[in-house]
C-alpha atoms as a PDB file:
ATOM      1  CA  UNK A   1      65.337  70.044 -73.546  1.00  0.00           C
ATOM      2  CA  UNK A   2      64.646  66.854 -72.277  1.00  0.00           C
ATOM      3  CA  UNK A   3      64.781  65.629 -76.054  1.00  0.00           C
ATOM      4  CA  UNK A   4      68.447  66.461 -75.863  1.00  0.00           C
ATOM      5  CA  UNK A   5      69.173  65.088 -72.521  1.00  0.00           C
ATOM      6  CA  UNK A   6      67.380  61.822 -72.886  1.00  0.00           C
ATOM      7  CA  UNK A   7      69.437  61.098 -76.409  1.00  0.00           C
ATOM      8  CA  UNK A   8      72.965  63.052 -76.240  1.00  0.00           C
ATOM      9  CA  UNK A   9      74.043  63.486 -72.761  1.00  0.00           C
ATOM     10  CA  UNK A  10      72.352  60.448 -70.761  1.00  0.00           C
ATOM     11  CA  UNK A  11      72.422  57.543 -72.959  1.00  0.00           C
ATOM     12  CA  UNK A  12      70.023  54.449 -71.841  1.00  0.00           C
ATOM     13  CA  UNK A  13      71.849  51.559 -70.766  1.00  0.00           C
ATOM     14  CA  UNK A  14      70.305  48.435 -71.726  1.00  0.00           C
ATOM     15  CA  UNK A  15      68.429  46.565 -68.740  1.00  0.00           C
ATOM     16  CA  UNK A  16      70.241  43.865 -67.361  1.00  0.00           C
ATOM     17  CA  UNK A  17      69.335  40.118 -68.138  1.00  0.00           C
ATOM     18  CA  UNK A  18      68.962  38.136 -65.111  1.00  0.00           C
ATOM     19  CA  UNK A  19      70.272  34.639 -65.403  1.00  0.00           C
ATOM     20  CA  UNK A  20      67.360  32.289 -65.080  1.00  0.00           C
ATOM     21  CA  UNK A  21      66.667  29.635 -62.032  1.00  0.00           C
ATOM     22  CA  UNK A  22      64.226  26.665 -62.131  1.00  0.00           C
ATOM     23  CA  UNK A  23      63.517  23.653 -64.165  1.00  0.00           C
ATOM     24  CA  UNK A  24      61.321  22.472 -67.049  1.00  0.00           C
ATOM     25  CA  UNK A  25      59.999  19.053 -68.187  1.00  0.00           C
ATOM     26  CA  UNK A  26      59.692  18.463 -72.103  1.00  0.00           C
ATOM     27  CA  UNK A  27      57.774  15.635 -73.490  1.00  0.00           C
ATOM     28  CA  UNK A  28      58.956  13.558 -76.463  1.00  0.00           C
ATOM     29  CA  UNK A  29      57.272  15.607 -78.934  1.00  0.00           C
ATOM     30  CA  UNK A  30      59.319  18.814 -78.169  1.00  0.00           C
ATOM     31  CA  UNK A  31      55.922  20.257 -75.855  1.00  0.00           C
ATOM     32  CA  UNK A  32      56.765  21.940 -72.575  1.00  0.00           C
ATOM     33  CA  UNK A  33      55.001  19.861 -69.881  1.00  0.00           C
ATOM     34  CA  UNK A  34      55.955  21.881 -66.940  1.00  0.00           C
ATOM     35  CA  UNK A  35      58.153  24.637 -65.400  1.00  0.00           C
ATOM     36  CA  UNK A  36      59.123  26.342 -62.510  1.00  0.00           C
ATOM     37  CA  UNK A  37      61.224  29.197 -64.528  1.00  0.00           C
ATOM     38  CA  UNK A  38      59.743  32.505 -64.243  1.00  0.00           C
ATOM     39  CA  UNK A  39      57.381  33.957 -66.703  1.00  0.00           C
ATOM     40  CA  UNK A  40      59.830  36.578 -67.914  1.00  0.00           C
ATOM     41  CA  UNK A  41      61.852  33.454 -69.300  1.00  0.00           C
ATOM     42  CA  UNK A  42      60.396  33.429 -72.802  1.00  0.00           C
ATOM     43  CA  UNK A  43      58.874  30.280 -73.674  1.00  0.00           C
ATOM     44  CA  UNK A  44      60.793  30.258 -77.251  1.00  0.00           C
ATOM     45  CA  UNK A  45      63.636  29.727 -75.127  1.00  0.00           C
ATOM     46  CA  UNK A  46      62.646  26.669 -73.254  1.00  0.00           C
ATOM     47  CA  UNK A  47      61.847  25.341 -76.861  1.00  0.00           C
ATOM     48  CA  UNK A  48      64.858  26.044 -77.919  1.00  0.00           C
ATOM     49  CA  UNK A  49      66.995  24.630 -75.091  1.00  0.00           C
ATOM     50  CA  UNK A  50      64.382  21.774 -75.068  1.00  0.00           C
ATOM     51  CA  UNK A  51      64.895  20.760 -78.647  1.00  0.00           C
ATOM     52  CA  UNK A  52      68.355  21.074 -78.292  1.00  0.00           C
ATOM     53  CA  UNK A  53      69.129  18.602 -75.439  1.00  0.00           C
ATOM     54  CA  UNK A  54      66.406  15.998 -77.004  1.00  0.00           C
ATOM     55  CA  UNK A  55      68.557  16.146 -80.008  1.00  0.00           C
ATOM     56  CA  UNK A  56      71.491  15.268 -78.081  1.00  0.00           C
ATOM     57  CA  UNK A  57      69.689  12.267 -76.283  1.00  0.00           C
ATOM     58  CA  UNK A  58      68.586  11.383 -79.828  1.00  0.00           C
ATOM     59  CA  UNK A  59      72.196  11.629 -81.643  1.00  0.00           C
ATOM     60  CA  UNK A  60      73.477   9.394 -78.275  1.00  0.00           C
ATOM     61  CA  UNK A  61      70.424   6.878 -78.809  1.00  0.00           C
ATOM     62  CA  UNK A  62      71.448   6.811 -82.806  1.00  0.00           C
ATOM     63  CA  UNK A  63      75.011   6.297 -82.094  1.00  0.00           C
ATOM     64  CA  UNK A  64      74.268   3.345 -79.453  1.00  0.00           C
ATOM     65  CA  UNK A  65      75.275   5.282 -76.455  1.00  0.00           C
ATOM     66  CA  UNK A  66      73.483   5.036 -72.959  1.00  0.00           C
ATOM     67  CA  UNK A  67      73.442   9.001 -72.407  1.00  0.00           C
ATOM     68  CA  UNK A  68      71.030   9.270 -69.143  1.00  0.00           C
ATOM     69  CA  UNK A  69      72.500  12.462 -68.072  1.00  0.00           C
ATOM     70  CA  UNK A  70      73.917  15.781 -69.927  1.00  0.00           C
ATOM     71  CA  UNK A  71      75.354  18.597 -67.940  1.00  0.00           C
ATOM     72  CA  UNK A  72      76.446  22.029 -69.581  1.00  0.00           C
ATOM     73  CA  UNK A  73      78.846  24.731 -67.429  1.00  0.00           C
ATOM     74  CA  UNK A  74      78.523  28.100 -68.915  1.00  0.00           C
ATOM     75  CA  UNK A  75      80.369  30.750 -67.407  1.00  0.00           C
ATOM     76  CA  UNK A  76      77.092  32.260 -65.588  1.00  0.00           C
ATOM     77  CA  UNK A  77      74.600  29.226 -66.003  1.00  0.00           C
ATOM     78  CA  UNK A  78      74.388  25.516 -65.706  1.00  0.00           C
ATOM     79  CA  UNK A  79      72.476  23.271 -67.395  1.00  0.00           C
ATOM     80  CA  UNK A  80      71.579  19.855 -66.087  1.00  0.00           C
ATOM     81  CA  UNK A  81      69.083  17.475 -68.395  1.00  0.00           C
ATOM     82  CA  UNK A  82      68.179  14.022 -67.401  1.00  0.00           C
ATOM     83  CA  UNK A  83      66.562  11.754 -70.516  1.00  0.00           C
ATOM     84  CA  UNK A  84      62.674  10.597 -69.120  1.00  0.00           C
ATOM     85  CA  UNK A  85      61.443   8.229 -71.816  1.00  0.00           C
ATOM     86  CA  UNK A  86      62.143   9.938 -74.851  1.00  0.00           C
ATOM     87  CA  UNK A  87      61.501  13.485 -73.371  1.00  0.00           C
ATOM     88  CA  UNK A  88      63.658  15.580 -70.892  1.00  0.00           C
ATOM     89  CA  UNK A  89      63.667  17.252 -67.581  1.00  0.00           C
ATOM     90  CA  UNK A  90      65.903  20.059 -67.317  1.00  0.00           C
ATOM     91  CA  UNK A  91      67.519  22.296 -64.412  1.00  0.00           C
ATOM     92  CA  UNK A  92      68.835  25.952 -65.005  1.00  0.00           C
ATOM     93  CA  UNK A  93      70.934  26.780 -62.130  1.00  0.00           C
ATOM     94  CA  UNK A  94      73.069  30.470 -61.996  1.00  0.00           C
ATOM     95  CA  UNK A  95      76.758  30.225 -61.094  1.00  0.00           C
ATOM     96  CA  UNK A  96      78.330  32.972 -59.152  1.00  0.00           C
ATOM     97  CA  UNK A  97      81.952  32.125 -60.568  1.00  0.00           C
ATOM     98  CA  UNK A  98      83.158  29.236 -63.160  1.00  0.00           C
ATOM     99  CA  UNK A  99      85.704  26.818 -61.957  1.00  0.00           C
ATOM    100  CA  UNK A 100      86.957  24.166 -64.316  1.00  0.00           C
ATOM    101  CA  UNK A 101      86.742  21.754 -61.775  1.00  0.00           C
ATOM    102  CA  UNK A 102      83.149  21.720 -61.110  1.00  0.00           C
END
């Protein structure tokens, strides 16, 4: 009876994913140096975010534009990245609401 109840009467709800809060530093080679994010936040995600941030800073440098800080607002997350000698410091903060004038 529990088999029928488990799969047909009470479908499982997907687990809610908590928006991360913390920061990390990535060096110019793409390696994570430090992180204050919870261990539940996968390293692969940190590396993916870090690679995109480094690519943005390198693209700006290639275009001869001075870019010291990158700020991205998502509906539930704010990402702030600061360039540091070829690497970057990235801060992730959850947002309760999204306002266009922030």
